[in-house]
Amino acid sequence: MSRKQVALQKVAGLCGIIGPLVPILFIALAISNSLSWFTWTDNALSDLGHQGTAGVTVATIFNSGLILGGLLSIIFAVGLMQILRKQTFGAIGTILLLLAYISFVAVGVFPETAGIIHFYVSVAFFTFLPISLFFIGGSLAKETSEKVLGFSTILLGIFAAISAAPVILVGADDVAVHELLAALPCLAWSIVLGFKLYRQSLLK
């Protein structure tokens, strides 16, 4: 592995760690400033990005967190792609992961006020993310030393798909709860894998 590839792996690892923490922090901040109206049972998280509903300040905080966190996560996906691209499942999975993070950025760029495009990019994120984990998990599971991480990744993909399905397919009322259940385990996976990439880059 060249120095350039090692450097990319190190940066990607850091982005895999920081990327998920940014939206979590910004969303928590947005919610803390919206306790007078936001509820987990009656709202979608995207309501926090609606200037008319949440206010300009809260909407800016929420949307900025998605955009920044998504951009960092895109770098993470690119770094992971460099490692798994020679495996069919890995290549497909990381491309889908990249599309998921691009969609995540688009959710912040196109909030609810942007119209139907917001719905499309939101559905794209919650569709691409679990499918990408199936492929990445399958790729990792082929490696003897990564079987546990591989099967754990597949299980997380299944959990994310089941959690997001009520929102995508039937339009559940407690959208925010399902969004949180679908996203949080995947964000935790990114942090774990980010640590792994960063640690490995130090050993090169």
C-alpha atoms as a PDB file:
ATOM      1  CA  MET A   1       0.000   0.000   0.000  1.00  0.00           C
ATOM      2  CA  SER A   2       1.420   3.385  -1.062  1.00  0.00           C
ATOM      3  CA  ARG A   3       1.856   6.328   1.295  1.00  0.00           C
ATOM      4  CA  LYS A   4      -1.021   8.071  -0.474  1.00  0.00           C
ATOM      5  CA  GLN A   5      -3.310   5.108   0.166  1.00  0.00           C
ATOM      6  CA  VAL A   6      -2.209   4.886   3.803  1.00  0.00           C
ATOM      7  CA  ALA A   7      -2.896   8.611   4.236  1.00  0.00           C
ATOM      8  CA  LEU A   8      -6.341   8.192   2.647  1.00  0.00           C
ATOM      9  CA  GLN A   9      -7.076   5.276   4.968  1.00  0.00           C
ATOM     10  CA  LYS A  10      -6.081   7.346   8.007  1.00  0.00           C
ATOM     11  CA  VAL A  11      -8.235  10.307   6.942  1.00  0.00           C
ATOM     12  CA  ALA A  12     -11.118   7.990   6.029  1.00  0.00           C
ATOM     13  CA  GLY A  13     -10.886   6.345   9.438  1.00  0.00           C
ATOM     14  CA  LEU A  14     -11.056   9.682  11.214  1.00  0.00           C
ATOM     15  CA  CYS A  15     -14.017  10.722   9.059  1.00  0.00           C
ATOM     16  CA  GLY A  16     -15.734   7.429   9.855  1.00  0.00           C
ATOM     17  CA  ILE A  17     -15.443   8.307  13.541  1.00  0.00           C
ATOM     18  CA  ILE A  18     -16.292  12.007  13.370  1.00  0.00           C
ATOM     19  CA  GLY A  19     -18.830  11.853  10.545  1.00  0.00           C
ATOM     20  CA  PRO A  20     -21.625  10.182  12.570  1.00  0.00           C
ATOM     21  CA  LEU A  21     -20.948  12.275  15.692  1.00  0.00           C
ATOM     22  CA  VAL A  22     -21.551  15.577  13.882  1.00  0.00           C
ATOM     23  CA  PRO A  23     -25.199  14.963  12.887  1.00  0.00           C
ATOM     24  CA  ILE A  24     -25.934  13.350  16.264  1.00  0.00           C
ATOM     25  CA  LEU A  25     -24.649  16.465  18.042  1.00  0.00           C
ATOM     26  CA  PHE A  26     -26.429  18.890  15.721  1.00  0.00           C
ATOM     27  CA  ILE A  27     -29.719  16.959  15.842  1.00  0.00           C
ATOM     28  CA  ALA A  28     -29.574  16.834  19.645  1.00  0.00           C
ATOM     29  CA  LEU A  29     -28.961  20.587  19.674  1.00  0.00           C
ATOM     30  CA  ALA A  30     -31.870  21.181  17.306  1.00  0.00           C
ATOM     31  CA  ILE A  31     -34.190  19.029  19.426  1.00  0.00           C
ATOM     32  CA  SER A  32     -33.114  20.782  22.633  1.00  0.00           C
ATOM     33  CA  ASN A  33     -34.247  24.037  21.056  1.00  0.00           C
ATOM     34  CA  SER A  34     -37.564  22.546  19.890  1.00  0.00           C
ATOM     35  CA  LEU A  35     -38.922  20.900  23.040  1.00  0.00           C
ATOM     36  CA  SER A  36     -42.025  23.103  22.926  1.00  0.00           C
ATOM     37  CA  TRP A  37     -43.364  21.353  19.807  1.00  0.00           C
ATOM     38  CA  PHE A  38     -41.209  18.405  18.702  1.00  0.00           C
ATOM     39  CA  THR A  39     -42.292  14.911  19.794  1.00  0.00           C
ATOM     40  CA  TRP A  40     -40.899  11.529  18.796  1.00  0.00           C
ATOM     41  CA  THR A  41     -44.382  10.117  18.211  1.00  0.00           C
ATOM     42  CA  ASP A  42     -45.809  12.866  15.992  1.00  0.00           C
ATOM     43  CA  ASN A  43     -42.863  14.270  14.060  1.00  0.00           C
ATOM     44  CA  ALA A  44     -40.187  13.249  11.609  1.00  0.00           C
ATOM     45  CA  LEU A  45     -36.640  14.349  12.291  1.00  0.00           C
ATOM     46  CA  SER A  46     -36.804  16.289   9.041  1.00  0.00           C
ATOM     47  CA  ASP A  47     -39.410  18.584  10.617  1.00  0.00           C
ATOM     48  CA  LEU A  48     -36.454  20.109  12.455  1.00  0.00           C
ATOM     49  CA  GLY A  49     -35.079  21.245   9.102  1.00  0.00           C
ATOM     50  CA  HIS A  50     -38.285  23.026   8.076  1.00  0.00           C
ATOM     51  CA  GLN A  51     -37.786  26.764   8.608  1.00  0.00           C
ATOM     52  CA  GLY A  52     -41.507  27.426   8.792  1.00  0.00           C
ATOM     53  CA  THR A  53     -42.043  24.785  11.469  1.00  0.00           C
ATOM     54  CA  ALA A  54     -38.797  24.786  13.416  1.00  0.00           C
ATOM     55  CA  GLY A  55     -37.608  28.341  12.810  1.00  0.00           C
ATOM     56  CA  VAL A  56     -34.586  29.550  10.871  1.00  0.00           C
ATOM     57  CA  THR A  57     -32.032  28.916  13.638  1.00  0.00           C
ATOM     58  CA  VAL A  58     -33.090  25.351  14.420  1.00  0.00           C
ATOM     59  CA  ALA A  59     -33.480  24.485  10.729  1.00  0.00           C
ATOM     60  CA  THR A  60     -30.004  25.823   9.990  1.00  0.00           C
ATOM     61  CA  ILE A  61     -28.500  23.787  12.828  1.00  0.00           C
ATOM     62  CA  PHE A  62     -30.256  20.608  11.716  1.00  0.00           C
ATOM     63  CA  ASN A  63     -29.558  20.895   7.988  1.00  0.00           C
ATOM     64  CA  SER A  64     -25.945  21.973   8.539  1.00  0.00           C
ATOM     65  CA  GLY A  65     -25.341  18.930  10.725  1.00  0.00           C
ATOM     66  CA  LEU A  66     -26.627  16.591   8.026  1.00  0.00           C
ATOM     67  CA  ILE A  67     -24.557  18.225   5.299  1.00  0.00           C
ATOM     68  CA  LEU A  68     -21.306  18.347   7.273  1.00  0.00           C
ATOM     69  CA  GLY A  69     -21.712  14.858   8.699  1.00  0.00           C
ATOM     70  CA  GLY A  70     -22.633  13.496   5.284  1.00  0.00           C
ATOM     71  CA  LEU A  71     -19.592  15.055   3.605  1.00  0.00           C
ATOM     72  CA  LEU A  72     -17.273  13.551   6.212  1.00  0.00           C
ATOM     73  CA  SER A  73     -18.975  10.184   5.780  1.00  0.00           C
ATOM     74  CA  ILE A  74     -18.490  10.373   2.006  1.00  0.00           C
ATOM     75  CA  ILE A  75     -14.731  10.553   2.622  1.00  0.00           C
ATOM     76  CA  PHE A  76     -15.052   7.514   4.888  1.00  0.00           C
ATOM     77  CA  ALA A  77     -16.898   5.610   2.146  1.00  0.00           C
ATOM     78  CA  VAL A  78     -14.249   6.512  -0.441  1.00  0.00           C
ATOM     79  CA  GLY A  79     -11.487   5.244   1.864  1.00  0.00           C
ATOM     80  CA  LEU A  80     -13.379   2.026   2.522  1.00  0.00           C
ATOM     81  CA  MET A  81     -13.882   1.641  -1.224  1.00  0.00           C
ATOM     82  CA  GLN A  82     -10.111   1.641  -1.741  1.00  0.00           C
ATOM     83  CA  ILE A  83      -9.817  -1.375   0.548  1.00  0.00           C
ATOM     84  CA  LEU A  84     -12.812  -3.429  -0.628  1.00  0.00           C
ATOM     85  CA  ARG A  85     -12.934  -2.511  -4.320  1.00  0.00           C
ATOM     86  CA  LYS A  86     -11.171  -5.718  -5.442  1.00  0.00           C
ATOM     87  CA  GLN A  87     -13.998  -7.831  -4.011  1.00  0.00           C
ATOM     88  CA  THR A  88     -17.282  -7.863  -5.934  1.00  0.00           C
ATOM     89  CA  PHE A  89     -19.486  -7.577  -2.854  1.00  0.00           C
ATOM     90  CA  GLY A  90     -17.171  -4.993  -1.342  1.00  0.00           C
ATOM     91  CA  ALA A  91     -17.146  -2.857  -4.475  1.00  0.00           C
ATOM     92  CA  ILE A  92     -20.941  -2.934  -4.789  1.00  0.00           C
ATOM     93  CA  GLY A  93     -21.416  -2.298  -1.088  1.00  0.00           C
ATOM     94  CA  THR A  94     -19.117   0.705  -0.906  1.00  0.00           C
ATOM     95  CA  ILE A  95     -20.686   2.257  -4.019  1.00  0.00           C
ATOM     96  CA  LEU A  96     -24.103   1.897  -2.389  1.00  0.00           C
ATOM     97  CA  LEU A  97     -22.697   3.303   0.864  1.00  0.00           C
ATOM     98  CA  LEU A  98     -21.361   6.287  -1.063  1.00  0.00           C
ATOM     99  CA  LEU A  99     -24.804   6.817  -2.634  1.00  0.00           C
ATOM    100  CA  ALA A 100     -26.371   6.583   0.832  1.00  0.00           C
ATOM    101  CA  TYR A 101     -24.123   9.319   2.208  1.00  0.00           C
ATOM    102  CA  ILE A 102     -24.682  11.500  -0.868  1.00  0.00           C
ATOM    103  CA  SER A 103     -28.413  11.104  -0.218  1.00  0.00           C
ATOM    104  CA  PHE A 104     -27.828  12.031   3.425  1.00  0.00           C
ATOM    105  CA  VAL A 105     -26.188  15.284   2.349  1.00  0.00           C
ATOM    106  CA  ALA A 106     -29.087  15.873  -0.034  1.00  0.00           C
ATOM    107  CA  VAL A 107     -31.572  15.589   2.847  1.00  0.00           C
ATOM    108  CA  GLY A 108     -29.900  18.635   4.383  1.00  0.00           C
ATOM    109  CA  VAL A 109     -29.543  20.479   1.081  1.00  0.00           C
ATOM    110  CA  PHE A 110     -33.186  19.817   0.173  1.00  0.00           C
ATOM    111  CA  PRO A 111     -35.220  20.119   3.409  1.00  0.00           C
ATOM    112  CA  GLU A 112     -38.978  19.632   3.554  1.00  0.00           C
ATOM    113  CA  THR A 113     -39.494  23.122   2.116  1.00  0.00           C
ATOM    114  CA  ALA A 114     -37.853  21.921  -1.136  1.00  0.00           C
ATOM    115  CA  GLY A 115     -40.865  19.749  -1.903  1.00  0.00           C
ATOM    116  CA  ILE A 116     -41.084  16.157  -3.130  1.00  0.00           C
ATOM    117  CA  ILE A 117     -37.338  15.899  -3.758  1.00  0.00           C
ATOM    118  CA  HIS A 118     -36.853  15.794   0.013  1.00  0.00           C
ATOM    119  CA  PHE A 119     -38.966  12.648   0.198  1.00  0.00           C
ATOM    120  CA  TYR A 120     -37.008  11.012  -2.612  1.00  0.00           C
ATOM    121  CA  VAL A 121     -33.563  11.677  -1.118  1.00  0.00           C
ATOM    122  CA  SER A 122     -34.753  10.556   2.325  1.00  0.00           C
ATOM    123  CA  VAL A 123     -36.084   7.281   0.921  1.00  0.00           C
ATOM    124  CA  ALA A 124     -32.847   6.872  -1.056  1.00  0.00           C
ATOM    125  CA  PHE A 125     -30.783   7.172   2.136  1.00  0.00           C
ATOM    126  CA  PHE A 126     -32.852   4.668   4.103  1.00  0.00           C
ATOM    127  CA  THR A 127     -32.824   2.283   1.133  1.00  0.00           C
ATOM    128  CA  PHE A 128     -29.176   2.459   0.068  1.00  0.00           C
ATOM    129  CA  LEU A 129     -27.801   2.293   3.626  1.00  0.00           C
ATOM    130  CA  PRO A 130     -29.093  -1.135   4.718  1.00  0.00           C
ATOM    131  CA  ILE A 131     -28.472  -2.686   1.292  1.00  0.00           C
ATOM    132  CA  SER A 132     -24.886  -1.412   1.354  1.00  0.00           C
ATOM    133  CA  LEU A 133     -24.365  -3.071   4.725  1.00  0.00           C
ATOM    134  CA  PHE A 134     -25.582  -6.414   3.341  1.00  0.00           C
ATOM    135  CA  PHE A 135     -22.923  -6.336   0.622  1.00  0.00           C
ATOM    136  CA  ILE A 136     -20.135  -4.934   2.806  1.00  0.00           C
ATOM    137  CA  GLY A 137     -20.950  -7.462   5.512  1.00  0.00           C
ATOM    138  CA  GLY A 138     -20.871 -10.264   2.955  1.00  0.00           C
ATOM    139  CA  SER A 139     -17.488  -9.076   1.743  1.00  0.00           C
ATOM    140  CA  LEU A 140     -16.047  -8.877   5.258  1.00  0.00           C
ATOM    141  CA  ALA A 141     -17.490 -12.256   6.248  1.00  0.00           C
ATOM    142  CA  LYS A 142     -15.396 -13.923   3.539  1.00  0.00           C
ATOM    143  CA  GLU A 143     -12.258 -12.961   5.451  1.00  0.00           C
ATOM    144  CA  THR A 144     -11.507 -15.358   8.305  1.00  0.00           C
ATOM    145  CA  SER A 145     -10.279 -12.552  10.571  1.00  0.00           C
ATOM    146  CA  GLU A 146     -13.346 -10.395   9.862  1.00  0.00           C
ATOM    147  CA  LYS A 147     -16.183 -12.923  10.092  1.00  0.00           C
ATOM    148  CA  VAL A 148     -17.624 -11.473  13.309  1.00  0.00           C
ATOM    149  CA  LEU A 149     -17.569  -7.933  11.936  1.00  0.00           C
ATOM    150  CA  GLY A 150     -18.996  -9.186   8.647  1.00  0.00           C
ATOM    151  CA  PHE A 151     -21.976 -10.996  10.142  1.00  0.00           C
ATOM    152  CA  SER A 152     -22.557  -8.131  12.595  1.00  0.00           C
ATOM    153  CA  THR A 153     -22.666  -5.740   9.647  1.00  0.00           C
ATOM    154  CA  ILE A 154     -25.259  -7.908   7.885  1.00  0.00           C
ATOM    155  CA  LEU A 155     -27.395  -8.036  11.043  1.00  0.00           C
ATOM    156  CA  LEU A 156     -27.212  -4.259  11.363  1.00  0.00           C
ATOM    157  CA  GLY A 157     -28.361  -3.955   7.754  1.00  0.00           C
ATOM    158  CA  ILE A 158     -31.338  -6.204   8.468  1.00  0.00           C
ATOM    159  CA  PHE A 159     -32.208  -4.202  11.599  1.00  0.00           C
ATOM    160  CA  ALA A 160     -31.940  -0.909   9.687  1.00  0.00           C
ATOM    161  CA  ALA A 161     -34.159  -2.221   6.883  1.00  0.00           C
ATOM    162  CA  ILE A 162     -36.816  -3.456   9.319  1.00  0.00           C
ATOM    163  CA  SER A 163     -36.736  -0.168  11.252  1.00  0.00           C
ATOM    164  CA  ALA A 164     -37.026   1.999   8.136  1.00  0.00           C
ATOM    165  CA  ALA A 165     -39.677  -0.124   6.379  1.00  0.00           C
ATOM    166  CA  PRO A 166     -42.696   1.301   8.297  1.00  0.00           C
ATOM    167  CA  VAL A 167     -41.710   4.810   7.208  1.00  0.00           C
ATOM    168  CA  ILE A 168     -40.953   3.999   3.583  1.00  0.00           C
ATOM    169  CA  LEU A 169     -43.778   1.535   2.957  1.00  0.00           C
ATOM    170  CA  VAL A 170     -46.696   2.551   5.152  1.00  0.00           C
ATOM    171  CA  GLY A 171     -45.895   6.058   6.422  1.00  0.00           C
ATOM    172  CA  ALA A 172     -45.864   5.406  10.185  1.00  0.00           C
ATOM    173  CA  ASP A 173     -46.885   8.240  12.510  1.00  0.00           C
ATOM    174  CA  ASP A 174     -43.841   7.921  14.783  1.00  0.00           C
ATOM    175  CA  VAL A 175     -41.447   8.592  11.907  1.00  0.00           C
ATOM    176  CA  ALA A 176     -38.681  10.045  14.089  1.00  0.00           C
ATOM    177  CA  VAL A 177     -38.478   6.870  16.194  1.00  0.00           C
ATOM    178  CA  HIS A 178     -38.070   4.648  13.142  1.00  0.00           C
ATOM    179  CA  GLU A 179     -35.530   7.027  11.598  1.00  0.00           C
ATOM    180  CA  LEU A 180     -33.497   6.953  14.800  1.00  0.00           C
ATOM    181  CA  LEU A 181     -33.668   3.155  15.088  1.00  0.00           C
ATOM    182  CA  ALA A 182     -32.582   2.756  11.464  1.00  0.00           C
ATOM    183  CA  ALA A 183     -29.735   5.266  11.579  1.00  0.00           C
ATOM    184  CA  LEU A 184     -28.122   4.987  15.023  1.00  0.00           C
ATOM    185  CA  PRO A 185     -26.831   1.389  14.772  1.00  0.00           C
ATOM    186  CA  CYS A 186     -25.399   2.201  11.330  1.00  0.00           C
ATOM    187  CA  LEU A 187     -23.708   5.314  12.683  1.00  0.00           C
ATOM    188  CA  ALA A 188     -22.221   3.218  15.485  1.00  0.00           C
ATOM    189  CA  TRP A 189     -20.961   0.756  12.841  1.00  0.00           C
ATOM    190  CA  SER A 190     -19.247   3.625  11.032  1.00  0.00           C
ATOM    191  CA  ILE A 191     -17.468   4.676  14.221  1.00  0.00           C
ATOM    192  CA  VAL A 192     -16.273   1.124  14.927  1.00  0.00           C
ATOM    193  CA  LEU A 193     -15.032   0.624  11.376  1.00  0.00           C
ATOM    194  CA  GLY A 194     -13.510   4.111  11.388  1.00  0.00           C
ATOM    195  CA  PHE A 195     -11.452   3.210  14.446  1.00  0.00           C
ATOM    196  CA  LYS A 196     -10.395   0.000  12.723  1.00  0.00           C
ATOM    197  CA  LEU A 197      -9.276   1.793   9.551  1.00  0.00           C
ATOM    198  CA  TYR A 198      -7.408   4.457  11.501  1.00  0.00           C
ATOM    199  CA  ARG A 199      -5.633   1.918  13.709  1.00  0.00           C
ATOM    200  CA  GLN A 200      -4.613  -0.188  10.703  1.00  0.00           C
ATOM    201  CA  SER A 201      -3.240   2.886   8.907  1.00  0.00           C
ATOM    202  CA  LEU A 202      -0.893   3.498  11.847  1.00  0.00           C
ATOM    203  CA  LEU A 203       0.536   0.008  11.425  1.00  0.00           C
ATOM    204  CA  LYS A 204       1.366   0.397   7.733  1.00  0.00           C
END
